[in-house]
N, C-alpha and C. Protein backbone atom coordinates (compact mmCIF):
# COMPACT_ATOMS: atom_id res chain seq x y z
N MET A 1 104.34 99.72 129.67
CA MET A 1 104.97 98.54 129.10
C MET A 1 104.01 97.35 129.03
N VAL A 2 103.08 97.26 129.99
CA VAL A 2 102.10 96.17 129.96
C VAL A 2 101.23 96.29 128.72
N ARG A 3 100.81 97.56 128.40
CA ARG A 3 100.00 97.79 127.21
C ARG A 3 100.75 97.35 125.97
N MET A 4 102.05 97.63 125.89
CA MET A 4 102.86 97.26 124.75
C MET A 4 102.91 95.74 124.58
N LYS A 5 103.07 95.00 125.68
CA LYS A 5 103.18 93.55 125.61
C LYS A 5 101.87 92.92 125.16
N ILE A 6 100.73 93.56 125.47
CA ILE A 6 99.45 93.05 125.01
C ILE A 6 99.23 93.40 123.54
N THR A 7 99.66 94.59 123.12
CA THR A 7 99.44 95.07 121.77
C THR A 7 100.16 94.23 120.74
N PHE A 8 101.39 93.79 121.02
CA PHE A 8 102.17 93.04 120.03
C PHE A 8 101.49 91.74 119.61
N PRO A 9 101.04 90.86 120.55
CA PRO A 9 100.35 89.64 120.11
C PRO A 9 99.05 89.94 119.36
N LEU A 10 98.31 90.97 119.78
CA LEU A 10 97.08 91.33 119.09
C LEU A 10 97.36 91.81 117.68
N ALA A 11 98.43 92.58 117.51
CA ALA A 11 98.80 93.05 116.18
C ALA A 11 99.16 91.88 115.27
N LEU A 12 99.90 90.91 115.79
CA LEU A 12 100.28 89.74 115.00
C LEU A 12 99.04 88.95 114.59
N LEU A 13 98.09 88.76 115.53
CA LEU A 13 96.87 88.02 115.22
C LEU A 13 96.07 88.72 114.14
N THR A 14 95.97 90.04 114.21
CA THR A 14 95.25 90.81 113.20
C THR A 14 95.87 90.64 111.83
N ILE A 15 97.22 90.65 111.78
CA ILE A 15 97.92 90.49 110.50
C ILE A 15 97.65 89.12 109.91
N LEU A 16 97.68 88.08 110.74
CA LEU A 16 97.47 86.72 110.26
C LEU A 16 96.07 86.53 109.69
N ILE A 17 95.09 87.21 110.28
CA ILE A 17 93.71 87.06 109.84
C ILE A 17 93.44 87.87 108.58
N ALA A 18 94.04 89.07 108.51
CA ALA A 18 93.64 90.03 107.48
C ALA A 18 94.40 89.94 106.18
N THR A 19 95.43 89.11 106.08
CA THR A 19 96.27 89.11 104.88
C THR A 19 96.24 87.78 104.16
N THR A 20 96.73 87.79 102.91
CA THR A 20 96.82 86.58 102.11
C THR A 20 98.27 86.31 101.77
N ALA A 21 98.55 85.07 101.35
CA ALA A 21 99.92 84.64 101.16
C ALA A 21 100.48 85.09 99.82
N THR A 22 101.72 85.60 99.86
CA THR A 22 102.47 85.94 98.67
C THR A 22 103.94 85.61 98.95
N ALA A 23 104.60 84.93 98.03
CA ALA A 23 105.96 84.46 98.28
C ALA A 23 106.90 85.63 98.57
N LYS A 24 107.67 85.55 99.66
CA LYS A 24 108.58 86.63 100.01
C LYS A 24 109.54 86.15 101.09
N SER A 25 110.78 86.64 101.01
CA SER A 25 111.80 86.38 102.01
C SER A 25 112.54 87.68 102.28
N ARG A 26 113.20 87.76 103.45
CA ARG A 26 114.01 88.94 103.74
C ARG A 26 115.44 88.77 103.26
N MET A 27 115.79 87.58 102.75
CA MET A 27 117.11 87.33 102.20
C MET A 27 117.09 87.51 100.69
N GLY A 28 118.11 88.19 100.16
CA GLY A 28 118.20 88.37 98.73
C GLY A 28 117.16 89.31 98.15
N GLU A 29 116.66 90.24 98.97
CA GLU A 29 115.64 91.18 98.54
C GLU A 29 116.07 92.62 98.83
N TYR A 30 115.54 93.55 98.04
CA TYR A 30 115.68 94.96 98.35
C TYR A 30 114.53 95.35 99.28
N PHE A 31 114.84 95.93 100.44
CA PHE A 31 113.74 96.43 101.27
C PHE A 31 114.22 97.52 102.22
N LEU A 32 113.28 98.36 102.60
CA LEU A 32 113.47 99.40 103.60
C LEU A 32 112.60 99.06 104.80
N GLY A 33 113.11 99.36 105.99
CA GLY A 33 112.35 99.12 107.21
C GLY A 33 112.25 100.39 108.04
N PHE A 34 111.03 100.68 108.51
CA PHE A 34 110.78 101.84 109.36
C PHE A 34 110.12 101.33 110.64
N GLY A 35 110.83 101.44 111.78
CA GLY A 35 110.33 100.83 112.98
C GLY A 35 110.35 101.73 114.20
N TYR A 36 109.49 101.37 115.16
CA TYR A 36 109.45 102.02 116.46
C TYR A 36 109.72 100.96 117.51
N SER A 37 110.66 101.25 118.40
CA SER A 37 111.10 100.28 119.39
C SER A 37 110.96 100.84 120.80
N MET A 38 110.49 99.99 121.72
CA MET A 38 110.42 100.32 123.14
C MET A 38 111.32 99.36 123.89
N ALA A 39 112.02 99.86 124.88
CA ALA A 39 112.94 99.03 125.66
C ALA A 39 112.67 99.21 127.13
N GLU A 40 112.88 98.15 127.89
CA GLU A 40 112.74 98.20 129.33
C GLU A 40 113.78 97.29 129.96
N SER A 41 114.13 97.61 131.17
CA SER A 41 115.11 96.81 131.90
C SER A 41 114.38 95.90 132.89
N GLY A 42 114.91 94.71 133.05
CA GLY A 42 114.35 93.80 134.03
C GLY A 42 114.94 93.96 135.41
N SER A 43 115.93 94.87 135.55
CA SER A 43 116.63 95.00 136.83
C SER A 43 116.49 96.38 137.47
N ASP A 44 116.04 97.41 136.70
CA ASP A 44 115.91 98.76 137.27
C ASP A 44 114.80 99.50 136.53
N ASP A 45 114.77 100.85 136.65
CA ASP A 45 113.67 101.63 136.09
C ASP A 45 113.97 102.20 134.71
N ARG A 46 114.97 101.70 134.01
CA ARG A 46 115.29 102.22 132.68
C ARG A 46 114.19 101.90 131.66
N GLU A 47 113.78 102.91 130.89
CA GLU A 47 112.85 102.76 129.79
C GLU A 47 113.34 103.60 128.62
N ALA A 48 113.11 103.12 127.40
CA ALA A 48 113.64 103.83 126.23
C ALA A 48 112.69 103.72 125.06
N ASP A 49 112.78 104.69 124.14
CA ASP A 49 112.05 104.70 122.88
C ASP A 49 113.05 104.97 121.76
N PHE A 50 112.95 104.19 120.68
CA PHE A 50 113.89 104.34 119.57
C PHE A 50 113.15 104.35 118.23
N LEU A 51 113.65 105.14 117.30
CA LEU A 51 113.27 105.06 115.90
C LEU A 51 114.33 104.23 115.20
N ARG A 52 113.90 103.20 114.46
CA ARG A 52 114.85 102.29 113.82
C ARG A 52 114.61 102.28 112.31
N LEU A 53 115.64 102.63 111.55
CA LEU A 53 115.60 102.63 110.10
C LEU A 53 116.59 101.61 109.57
N THR A 54 116.16 100.79 108.63
CA THR A 54 117.04 99.77 108.05
C THR A 54 116.86 99.74 106.54
N ALA A 55 117.90 99.29 105.85
CA ALA A 55 117.83 99.07 104.40
C ALA A 55 118.71 97.88 104.07
N GLN A 56 118.25 97.04 103.16
CA GLN A 56 119.00 95.85 102.78
C GLN A 56 118.89 95.63 101.28
N ALA A 57 119.98 95.17 100.68
CA ALA A 57 120.02 94.94 99.23
C ALA A 57 120.94 93.78 98.92
N PRO A 58 120.64 93.01 97.86
CA PRO A 58 121.52 91.91 97.46
C PRO A 58 122.90 92.43 97.06
N ASN A 59 123.93 91.67 97.43
CA ASN A 59 125.30 91.99 97.06
C ASN A 59 125.87 90.96 96.10
N GLY A 60 125.14 89.89 95.90
CA GLY A 60 125.56 88.80 95.03
C GLY A 60 124.49 87.73 95.08
N SER A 61 124.81 86.55 94.57
CA SER A 61 123.82 85.48 94.53
C SER A 61 123.48 84.95 95.92
N ASN A 62 124.41 85.05 96.89
CA ASN A 62 124.16 84.53 98.23
C ASN A 62 124.65 85.47 99.32
N SER A 63 124.53 86.78 99.10
CA SER A 63 124.96 87.73 100.12
C SER A 63 124.18 89.03 100.00
N ASP A 64 124.05 89.71 101.12
CA ASP A 64 123.35 90.99 101.19
C ASP A 64 124.22 92.01 101.90
N ILE A 65 123.92 93.28 101.67
CA ILE A 65 124.48 94.39 102.43
C ILE A 65 123.32 95.07 103.16
N ALA A 66 123.47 95.29 104.46
CA ALA A 66 122.43 95.93 105.25
C ALA A 66 123.02 97.13 105.98
N VAL A 67 122.25 98.22 106.05
CA VAL A 67 122.65 99.40 106.81
C VAL A 67 121.52 99.73 107.77
N TYR A 68 121.85 100.39 108.88
CA TYR A 68 120.84 100.68 109.89
C TYR A 68 121.19 101.97 110.64
N LEU A 69 120.15 102.58 111.17
CA LEU A 69 120.28 103.76 112.02
C LEU A 69 119.25 103.67 113.13
N ASP A 70 119.71 103.73 114.38
CA ASP A 70 118.83 103.78 115.55
C ASP A 70 119.03 105.11 116.25
N TYR A 71 117.93 105.77 116.56
CA TYR A 71 118.02 107.01 117.32
C TYR A 71 116.89 107.06 118.33
N GLY A 72 117.22 107.45 119.57
CA GLY A 72 116.18 107.54 120.57
C GLY A 72 116.69 108.10 121.87
N SER A 73 115.92 107.88 122.92
CA SER A 73 116.29 108.38 124.24
C SER A 73 115.91 107.36 125.30
N MET A 74 116.61 107.41 126.42
CA MET A 74 116.34 106.53 127.53
C MET A 74 116.10 107.34 128.79
N GLU A 75 115.10 106.93 129.55
CA GLU A 75 114.77 107.60 130.80
C GLU A 75 115.22 106.74 131.97
N GLN A 76 115.92 107.34 132.90
CA GLN A 76 116.36 106.65 134.11
C GLN A 76 116.45 107.67 135.25
N ASN A 77 115.84 107.33 136.36
CA ASN A 77 115.85 108.20 137.54
C ASN A 77 115.32 109.60 137.22
N GLY A 78 114.31 109.67 136.33
CA GLY A 78 113.68 110.94 136.01
C GLY A 78 114.40 111.81 135.01
N SER A 79 115.52 111.36 134.44
CA SER A 79 116.26 112.16 133.46
C SER A 79 116.39 111.39 132.15
N ASP A 80 116.40 112.15 131.03
CA ASP A 80 116.50 111.56 129.70
C ASP A 80 117.90 111.71 129.14
N SER A 81 118.32 110.73 128.34
CA SER A 81 119.61 110.81 127.65
C SER A 81 119.42 110.25 126.25
N SER A 82 120.08 110.87 125.27
CA SER A 82 119.92 110.46 123.88
C SER A 82 120.91 109.36 123.50
N SER A 83 120.57 108.65 122.42
CA SER A 83 121.43 107.57 121.94
C SER A 83 121.23 107.40 120.45
N TRP A 84 122.32 107.21 119.71
CA TRP A 84 122.19 106.84 118.31
C TRP A 84 123.28 105.87 117.92
N ASN A 85 122.94 105.02 116.95
CA ASN A 85 123.81 103.95 116.52
C ASN A 85 123.64 103.77 115.02
N ILE A 86 124.74 103.83 114.28
CA ILE A 86 124.70 103.70 112.83
C ILE A 86 125.71 102.63 112.41
N GLY A 87 125.38 101.86 111.38
CA GLY A 87 126.31 100.82 110.98
C GLY A 87 125.92 100.13 109.69
N ALA A 88 126.77 99.22 109.24
CA ALA A 88 126.56 98.43 108.02
C ALA A 88 127.03 97.01 108.27
N ASP A 89 126.29 96.04 107.71
CA ASP A 89 126.61 94.62 107.87
C ASP A 89 126.73 93.95 106.50
N TYR A 90 127.68 93.02 106.39
CA TYR A 90 127.76 92.12 105.25
C TYR A 90 127.20 90.78 105.71
N ILE A 91 126.21 90.25 104.98
CA ILE A 91 125.52 89.03 105.39
C ILE A 91 125.65 87.99 104.27
N ALA A 92 126.19 86.83 104.59
CA ALA A 92 126.27 85.71 103.66
C ALA A 92 125.30 84.64 104.10
N TYR A 93 124.44 84.20 103.18
CA TYR A 93 123.46 83.17 103.54
C TYR A 93 123.62 81.96 102.63
N PHE A 94 123.06 80.85 103.08
CA PHE A 94 123.24 79.57 102.42
C PHE A 94 121.91 79.10 101.83
N ASN A 95 121.98 78.16 100.91
CA ASN A 95 120.78 77.65 100.27
C ASN A 95 119.83 77.09 101.31
N GLY A 96 118.54 77.29 101.07
CA GLY A 96 117.53 76.85 102.03
C GLY A 96 117.57 75.36 102.28
N ILE A 97 117.29 75.00 103.53
CA ILE A 97 117.27 73.60 103.96
C ILE A 97 115.87 73.29 104.46
N GLY A 98 115.31 72.16 104.05
CA GLY A 98 114.00 71.77 104.56
C GLY A 98 113.01 71.54 103.45
N GLY A 99 111.75 71.35 103.88
CA GLY A 99 110.69 71.04 102.93
C GLY A 99 109.66 72.14 102.83
N ARG A 100 108.43 71.76 102.49
CA ARG A 100 107.39 72.74 102.25
C ARG A 100 106.86 73.35 103.54
N SER A 101 106.89 72.61 104.65
CA SER A 101 106.31 73.11 105.90
C SER A 101 107.22 74.12 106.59
N ALA A 102 108.53 73.96 106.45
CA ALA A 102 109.48 74.89 107.07
C ALA A 102 110.80 74.83 106.30
N ARG A 103 111.31 75.99 105.92
CA ARG A 103 112.54 76.06 105.14
C ARG A 103 113.51 77.00 105.84
N LEU A 104 114.70 76.49 106.17
CA LEU A 104 115.71 77.26 106.89
C LEU A 104 116.71 77.86 105.91
N THR A 105 117.06 79.12 106.16
CA THR A 105 118.12 79.79 105.40
C THR A 105 119.13 80.33 106.39
N PRO A 106 120.17 79.54 106.74
CA PRO A 106 121.17 80.01 107.70
C PRO A 106 122.02 81.14 107.11
N TYR A 107 122.54 81.98 108.00
CA TYR A 107 123.40 83.08 107.55
C TYR A 107 124.45 83.38 108.61
N LEU A 108 125.50 84.03 108.17
CA LEU A 108 126.49 84.60 109.08
C LEU A 108 126.95 85.92 108.48
N GLY A 109 127.51 86.79 109.34
CA GLY A 109 127.89 88.09 108.84
C GLY A 109 128.83 88.83 109.76
N ALA A 110 129.27 89.98 109.29
CA ALA A 110 130.16 90.84 110.06
C ALA A 110 129.82 92.28 109.71
N GLY A 111 130.06 93.20 110.66
CA GLY A 111 129.72 94.58 110.40
C GLY A 111 130.57 95.56 111.17
N VAL A 112 130.43 96.83 110.81
CA VAL A 112 131.10 97.93 111.49
C VAL A 112 130.06 99.01 111.75
N GLY A 113 130.33 99.85 112.75
CA GLY A 113 129.38 100.91 113.06
C GLY A 113 129.98 101.96 113.96
N TYR A 114 129.14 102.89 114.36
CA TYR A 114 129.54 103.92 115.32
C TYR A 114 128.41 104.13 116.31
N LEU A 115 128.76 104.16 117.59
CA LEU A 115 127.80 104.27 118.68
C LEU A 115 128.07 105.53 119.48
N ASP A 116 127.00 106.27 119.78
CA ASP A 116 127.12 107.48 120.59
C ASP A 116 125.97 107.52 121.59
N ASP A 117 126.24 107.18 122.84
CA ASP A 117 125.26 107.21 123.92
C ASP A 117 125.60 108.34 124.87
N GLU A 118 124.60 109.16 125.19
CA GLU A 118 124.82 110.26 126.13
C GLU A 118 125.19 109.72 127.51
N ARG A 119 124.58 108.57 127.85
CA ARG A 119 125.01 107.82 129.03
C ARG A 119 125.05 106.35 128.62
N PRO A 120 125.79 105.48 129.30
CA PRO A 120 125.92 104.10 128.85
C PRO A 120 124.56 103.39 128.74
N ILE A 121 124.21 103.01 127.51
CA ILE A 121 122.98 102.27 127.27
C ILE A 121 123.31 100.92 126.66
N ARG A 122 124.02 100.93 125.52
CA ARG A 122 124.38 99.68 124.86
C ARG A 122 125.74 99.17 125.33
N LEU A 123 126.73 100.09 125.36
CA LEU A 123 128.07 99.75 125.82
C LEU A 123 128.51 100.81 126.84
N GLY A 124 129.62 100.54 127.52
CA GLY A 124 130.08 101.46 128.54
C GLY A 124 130.72 102.72 128.00
N GLU A 125 131.13 102.70 126.70
CA GLU A 125 131.79 103.85 126.09
C GLU A 125 131.27 104.03 124.66
N ASP A 126 131.52 105.22 124.10
CA ASP A 126 131.18 105.51 122.71
C ASP A 126 132.35 105.16 121.80
N GLY A 127 132.07 105.05 120.49
CA GLY A 127 133.15 104.85 119.54
C GLY A 127 132.76 103.93 118.40
N PHE A 128 133.76 103.60 117.57
CA PHE A 128 133.55 102.69 116.45
C PHE A 128 133.40 101.26 116.96
N THR A 129 132.49 100.52 116.33
CA THR A 129 132.17 99.18 116.80
C THR A 129 132.37 98.13 115.71
N TRP A 130 132.55 96.90 116.13
CA TRP A 130 132.58 95.73 115.25
C TRP A 130 131.42 94.81 115.63
N SER A 131 130.99 93.97 114.70
CA SER A 131 129.88 93.05 114.97
C SER A 131 130.11 91.72 114.27
N LEU A 132 129.68 90.65 114.91
CA LEU A 132 129.62 89.32 114.31
C LEU A 132 128.19 88.81 114.43
N LEU A 133 127.64 88.27 113.34
CA LEU A 133 126.24 87.85 113.31
C LEU A 133 126.12 86.38 112.93
N LEU A 134 125.10 85.73 113.49
CA LEU A 134 124.82 84.34 113.17
C LEU A 134 123.33 84.09 113.40
N GLY A 135 122.69 83.38 112.46
CA GLY A 135 121.28 83.10 112.66
C GLY A 135 120.67 82.37 111.48
N SER A 136 119.35 82.39 111.41
CA SER A 136 118.65 81.73 110.32
C SER A 136 117.26 82.34 110.15
N GLU A 137 116.81 82.38 108.91
CA GLU A 137 115.42 82.69 108.61
C GLU A 137 114.70 81.36 108.40
N ILE A 138 113.53 81.22 109.00
CA ILE A 138 112.72 80.01 108.87
C ILE A 138 111.40 80.40 108.22
N GLN A 139 111.17 79.94 107.01
CA GLN A 139 109.94 80.25 106.28
C GLN A 139 108.92 79.14 106.50
N PHE A 140 107.75 79.53 107.04
CA PHE A 140 106.68 78.57 107.31
C PHE A 140 105.65 78.53 106.19
N SER A 141 105.53 79.62 105.46
CA SER A 141 104.60 79.69 104.34
C SER A 141 105.18 80.65 103.32
N ASN A 142 104.40 80.95 102.29
CA ASN A 142 104.88 81.86 101.25
C ASN A 142 105.07 83.29 101.74
N SER A 143 104.45 83.65 102.86
CA SER A 143 104.55 85.03 103.33
C SER A 143 104.93 85.16 104.80
N LEU A 144 104.93 84.07 105.54
CA LEU A 144 105.22 84.11 106.98
C LEU A 144 106.58 83.48 107.27
N SER A 145 107.42 84.21 108.01
CA SER A 145 108.74 83.68 108.35
C SER A 145 109.13 84.11 109.76
N LEU A 146 110.05 83.35 110.33
CA LEU A 146 110.59 83.62 111.66
C LEU A 146 112.10 83.77 111.54
N HIS A 147 112.62 84.82 112.14
CA HIS A 147 114.07 85.03 112.17
C HIS A 147 114.57 84.79 113.59
N LEU A 148 115.61 83.97 113.72
CA LEU A 148 116.28 83.73 115.00
C LEU A 148 117.77 83.98 114.79
N GLY A 149 118.37 84.80 115.65
CA GLY A 149 119.78 85.09 115.47
C GLY A 149 120.40 85.74 116.69
N GLY A 150 121.67 86.06 116.54
CA GLY A 150 122.40 86.72 117.60
C GLY A 150 123.46 87.63 117.02
N ARG A 151 123.80 88.66 117.79
CA ARG A 151 124.83 89.60 117.39
C ARG A 151 125.80 89.79 118.56
N PHE A 152 127.08 89.57 118.31
CA PHE A 152 128.14 89.83 119.29
C PHE A 152 128.90 91.06 118.79
N PHE A 153 128.94 92.12 119.60
CA PHE A 153 129.57 93.35 119.13
C PHE A 153 130.32 94.03 120.27
N GLY A 154 131.23 94.92 119.88
CA GLY A 154 132.03 95.61 120.87
C GLY A 154 132.76 96.79 120.26
N LEU A 155 133.60 97.43 121.06
CA LEU A 155 134.35 98.61 120.62
C LEU A 155 135.70 98.21 120.03
N TRP A 156 136.08 98.88 118.95
CA TRP A 156 137.42 98.67 118.39
C TRP A 156 138.50 99.13 119.37
N SER A 157 138.23 100.18 120.10
CA SER A 157 139.24 100.75 121.00
C SER A 157 139.39 99.98 122.31
N GLU A 158 138.40 99.14 122.64
CA GLU A 158 138.44 98.39 123.89
C GLU A 158 137.70 97.07 123.70
N PHE A 159 138.45 96.01 123.35
CA PHE A 159 137.81 94.74 123.03
C PHE A 159 137.14 94.09 124.24
N GLY A 160 137.49 94.53 125.44
CA GLY A 160 136.82 94.01 126.62
C GLY A 160 135.44 94.60 126.81
N GLU A 161 135.11 95.67 126.07
CA GLU A 161 133.80 96.30 126.15
C GLU A 161 132.93 95.74 125.04
N ASN A 162 132.11 94.73 125.36
CA ASN A 162 131.31 94.06 124.33
C ASN A 162 129.95 93.66 124.87
N GLU A 163 129.11 93.19 123.98
CA GLU A 163 127.73 92.84 124.31
C GLU A 163 127.25 91.74 123.38
N PHE A 164 126.30 90.93 123.86
CA PHE A 164 125.66 89.92 123.01
C PHE A 164 124.16 90.14 123.08
N THR A 165 123.53 90.18 121.91
CA THR A 165 122.08 90.28 121.84
C THR A 165 121.50 89.08 121.11
N ALA A 166 120.38 88.57 121.61
CA ALA A 166 119.62 87.51 120.95
C ALA A 166 118.39 88.14 120.32
N ASP A 167 118.12 87.75 119.07
CA ASP A 167 117.05 88.40 118.30
C ASP A 167 116.04 87.38 117.80
N ALA A 168 114.78 87.77 117.81
CA ALA A 168 113.71 86.97 117.22
C ALA A 168 112.74 87.93 116.53
N ALA A 169 112.28 87.56 115.33
CA ALA A 169 111.36 88.43 114.58
C ALA A 169 110.41 87.58 113.75
N VAL A 170 109.14 87.94 113.78
CA VAL A 170 108.14 87.34 112.92
C VAL A 170 107.81 88.34 111.82
N THR A 171 107.96 87.91 110.56
CA THR A 171 107.70 88.79 109.42
C THR A 171 106.54 88.26 108.60
N TRP A 172 105.61 89.15 108.27
CA TRP A 172 104.46 88.79 107.44
C TRP A 172 104.37 89.77 106.28
N TRP A 173 104.43 89.22 105.06
CA TRP A 173 104.32 90.06 103.86
C TRP A 173 102.87 90.06 103.39
N PHE A 174 102.28 91.27 103.28
CA PHE A 174 100.92 91.40 102.76
C PHE A 174 100.87 91.03 101.29
N ASP A 175 101.88 91.50 100.54
CA ASP A 175 101.97 91.27 99.11
C ASP A 175 103.44 91.34 98.73
N ALA A 176 103.75 91.55 97.46
CA ALA A 176 105.14 91.55 97.01
C ALA A 176 105.92 92.78 97.46
N PHE A 177 105.23 93.79 97.97
CA PHE A 177 105.89 95.05 98.29
C PHE A 177 105.81 95.45 99.77
N ASN A 178 104.78 95.05 100.47
CA ASN A 178 104.52 95.55 101.81
C ASN A 178 104.47 94.42 102.84
N GLY A 179 105.10 94.70 103.98
CA GLY A 179 105.11 93.73 105.05
C GLY A 179 105.27 94.39 106.41
N VAL A 180 105.19 93.58 107.44
CA VAL A 180 105.36 94.07 108.80
C VAL A 180 106.15 93.04 109.58
N SER A 181 106.92 93.52 110.54
CA SER A 181 107.75 92.65 111.36
C SER A 181 107.56 92.99 112.83
N LEU A 182 107.35 91.97 113.65
CA LEU A 182 107.30 92.12 115.10
C LEU A 182 108.57 91.50 115.66
N GLU A 183 109.36 92.31 116.37
CA GLU A 183 110.71 91.88 116.74
C GLU A 183 110.94 91.99 118.25
N TYR A 184 111.74 91.04 118.75
CA TYR A 184 112.17 91.06 120.15
C TYR A 184 113.68 90.91 120.20
N GLN A 185 114.32 91.68 121.06
CA GLN A 185 115.76 91.60 121.23
C GLN A 185 116.11 91.67 122.71
N ARG A 186 117.00 90.79 123.13
CA ARG A 186 117.48 90.77 124.51
C ARG A 186 118.96 91.10 124.52
N ALA A 187 119.33 92.21 125.20
CA ALA A 187 120.73 92.58 125.41
C ALA A 187 121.13 92.08 126.79
N PHE A 188 122.03 91.10 126.84
CA PHE A 188 122.30 90.40 128.10
C PHE A 188 123.15 91.23 129.06
N GLU A 189 124.19 91.88 128.56
CA GLU A 189 125.06 92.64 129.45
C GLU A 189 124.33 93.88 129.99
N ALA A 190 123.59 94.56 129.13
CA ALA A 190 122.85 95.76 129.54
C ALA A 190 121.54 95.42 130.25
N GLU A 191 121.11 94.15 130.17
CA GLU A 191 119.86 93.69 130.79
C GLU A 191 118.67 94.51 130.29
N LEU A 192 118.56 94.62 128.96
CA LEU A 192 117.47 95.36 128.34
C LEU A 192 116.70 94.46 127.38
N ASN A 193 115.39 94.65 127.35
CA ASN A 193 114.51 93.96 126.42
C ASN A 193 113.94 94.98 125.44
N TYR A 194 114.10 94.73 124.13
CA TYR A 194 113.60 95.63 123.10
C TYR A 194 112.42 94.97 122.38
N PHE A 195 111.33 95.72 122.21
CA PHE A 195 110.16 95.27 121.47
C PHE A 195 109.94 96.25 120.32
N THR A 196 109.92 95.73 119.09
CA THR A 196 109.90 96.60 117.91
C THR A 196 108.78 96.20 116.95
N LEU A 197 108.08 97.21 116.44
CA LEU A 197 107.12 97.03 115.36
C LEU A 197 107.68 97.76 114.15
N LYS A 198 107.82 97.05 113.02
CA LYS A 198 108.51 97.62 111.86
C LYS A 198 107.70 97.38 110.59
N TYR A 199 107.52 98.46 109.81
CA TYR A 199 106.92 98.35 108.49
C TYR A 199 108.03 98.13 107.46
N LEU A 200 107.81 97.20 106.52
CA LEU A 200 108.79 96.86 105.49
C LEU A 200 108.24 97.19 104.11
N TYR A 201 109.06 97.86 103.32
CA TYR A 201 108.71 98.12 101.92
C TYR A 201 109.78 97.50 101.03
N SER A 202 109.37 96.68 100.09
CA SER A 202 110.31 95.95 99.23
C SER A 202 110.03 96.23 97.76
N TRP A 203 111.08 96.13 96.95
CA TRP A 203 110.94 96.30 95.51
C TRP A 203 112.03 95.48 94.83
N GLN A 204 111.90 95.27 93.55
CA GLN A 204 112.89 94.53 92.78
C GLN A 204 113.24 95.33 91.53
């Protein structure tokens, strides 16, 4: 995990040095995301690896539809257990606020999904899930942006079984089609930290 924490800042620095600016946002765009995620707990010996696939497409002038699939395994006390999570989100965003140095695009959304953990990783039980989303994309340049947001989600069958995650992601677009995202997520109830490196492919 120490190697991973060192690699992420170095990867971001390399991207900033090696690329040029091209106008791009993650809102109102068609794109696919292919990512690898590592997770660790701050309270015990849990460690996990996940493959994360995402797709997003415009649904209107100020809304997107996003779908995702996470699959991986978690190691605890010397044993592995599998986990997968699939879902779809409706995201409504608002006109950008700000000037040339930083432009905010707030959004809110809702989603549904299905979670299947061999042992409790995200929630205490498996089943169909609901989600509420809130956040903003902050564009610093034509190709560099920061995403800050949160997701509150839980089980349809047991509303007392829920979780809140805080998300942060730095996205850098090499050109109009290719980009990379470095992402961090904190799951508060599960006490897990997720670190993700994701390749993005976009088209219009």
